[in-house]
Protein backbone atom coordinates (compact mmCIF):
# COMPACT_ATOMS: atom_id res chain seq x y z
CA MET A 1 11.84 -13.11 14.73
CA ASP A 2 10.10 -12.09 12.05
CA ALA A 3 12.27 -8.44 11.27
CA LYS A 4 15.41 -8.21 12.38
CA LYS A 5 16.60 -4.41 13.06
CA GLY A 6 17.35 -2.60 9.95
CA ASP A 7 14.69 -4.48 8.26
CA TRP A 8 12.06 -2.71 5.96
CA VAL A 9 8.73 -3.28 7.24
CA LEU A 10 5.17 -2.24 7.73
CA ILE A 11 3.57 -0.67 10.73
CA HIS A 12 0.04 -0.09 11.48
CA ASN A 13 -1.74 2.33 14.44
CA ILE A 14 -5.12 3.82 14.74
CA VAL A 15 -4.94 7.31 14.74
CA LEU A 16 -8.39 7.99 16.27
CA ASN A 17 -11.03 6.20 17.30
CA PRO A 18 -14.47 6.67 16.47
CA LYS A 19 -15.67 8.65 19.13
CA GLU A 20 -13.22 11.19 18.70
CA ARG A 21 -13.09 12.02 15.42
CA ALA A 22 -14.21 15.51 14.10
CA PRO A 23 -17.94 16.56 14.63
CA GLN A 24 -18.06 17.49 11.01
CA VAL A 25 -16.81 14.49 9.68
CA PRO A 26 -19.44 12.78 7.45
CA ASP A 27 -21.40 9.91 9.78
CA ASP A 28 -20.65 7.26 7.35
CA THR A 29 -16.74 8.54 8.54
CA LYS A 30 -17.41 8.69 11.92
CA GLU A 31 -18.33 5.57 12.62
CA VAL A 32 -14.69 3.60 11.84
CA PRO A 33 -11.38 4.89 12.92
CA LEU A 34 -8.65 7.39 11.49
CA GLU A 35 -5.51 4.60 10.64
CA MET A 36 -2.14 4.62 9.76
CA TRP A 37 0.21 2.64 7.63
CA VAL A 38 3.56 3.93 7.33
CA LYS A 39 6.78 2.25 6.21
CA GLY A 40 10.34 2.28 7.10
CA PHE A 41 13.29 0.63 8.90
CA ILE A 42 13.01 -1.42 11.79
CA ASN A 43 14.88 -0.12 15.17
CA HIS A 44 14.34 -3.35 16.66
CA ASP A 45 14.21 -7.12 16.27
CA ALA A 46 10.52 -7.70 16.54
CA LEU A 47 7.33 -9.65 16.10
CA ILE A 48 4.62 -9.44 14.14
CA ASP A 49 1.87 -7.80 15.87
CA SER A 50 4.30 -6.67 18.45
CA GLU A 51 4.83 -2.79 18.38
CA VAL A 52 7.53 -1.55 17.36
CA GLU A 53 9.72 1.58 16.28
CA ILE A 54 10.36 2.22 12.68
CA THR A 55 12.55 4.88 11.49
CA THR A 56 11.07 6.07 7.82
CA MET A 57 12.68 7.34 4.95
CA THR A 58 12.41 11.05 5.98
CA GLY A 59 14.04 10.47 9.50
CA ARG A 60 10.48 10.30 11.59
CA ILE A 61 10.50 7.89 14.55
CA VAL A 62 7.20 6.58 14.13
CA ARG A 63 5.55 3.62 16.35
CA GLY A 64 3.13 1.07 15.59
CA ARG A 65 2.17 -2.37 14.93
CA LEU A 66 4.52 -4.83 12.50
CA ILE A 67 1.90 -5.75 10.48
CA ASP A 68 4.82 -6.64 6.77
CA VAL A 69 8.01 -7.26 6.11
CA ASN A 70 9.71 -6.07 2.84
CA PRO A 71 6.17 -5.23 1.60
CA TYR A 72 5.42 -4.59 -1.51
CA TYR A 73 1.78 -3.81 -3.83
CA LYS A 74 -0.01 -6.48 -3.42
CA HIS A 75 -3.01 -5.14 -6.39
CA ASN A 76 -2.80 -6.21 -10.05
CA TYR A 77 -5.06 -5.00 -12.79
CA GLY A 78 -7.08 -8.57 -13.75
CA LYS A 79 -7.12 -10.89 -15.17
CA CYS A 80 -6.49 -10.77 -19.39
CA VAL A 81 -9.19 -9.67 -21.72
CA PRO A 82 -8.31 -11.33 -25.18
CA GLU A 83 -10.86 -8.68 -27.21
CA LEU A 84 -8.11 -5.82 -25.72
CA LEU A 85 -5.28 -7.77 -27.38
CA LYS A 86 -6.99 -7.76 -30.43
CA ILE A 87 -8.07 -3.84 -30.64
CA GLY A 88 -4.27 -2.70 -30.39
CA LEU A 89 -3.64 -5.01 -33.71
CA GLN A 90 -7.11 -3.45 -34.86
CA LEU A 91 -5.71 -0.33 -34.20
CA ARG A 92 -2.59 -0.82 -36.17
CA GLU A 93 -4.10 -1.52 -39.43
CA ILE A 94 -6.52 1.09 -39.58
CA VAL A 95 -3.97 3.96 -38.30
CA PHE A 96 -1.01 2.35 -40.15
CA GLY A 97 -2.10 -0.42 -42.60
CA GLY A 98 -0.86 -2.95 -40.99
CA GLU A 99 2.45 -4.49 -38.97
CA ASP A 100 4.39 -4.42 -41.67
CA ARG A 101 4.87 -0.25 -42.01
CA GLU A 102 5.92 0.49 -38.16
């Protein structure tokens, strides 16, 4: 089992296929499905990629394909830029006359 009953999980579901999209939707949007990702507590043991049922924090029951167990944010703001580190020191010097005047 990848997920046990009560685990915090992420599920995915296709809400509308491209052909089911509204006619007033822009052309580039019509070409892709309307997708939904929801986090919640899984209601039964399951394997990744299987259809599951979850209960969200607000108590909604939602079905979808199990994507991840204990999901977390995986984005970042990129690599360190040394020049930006120096800007803070230079600004402190300009505004306050150096580090000793905090």
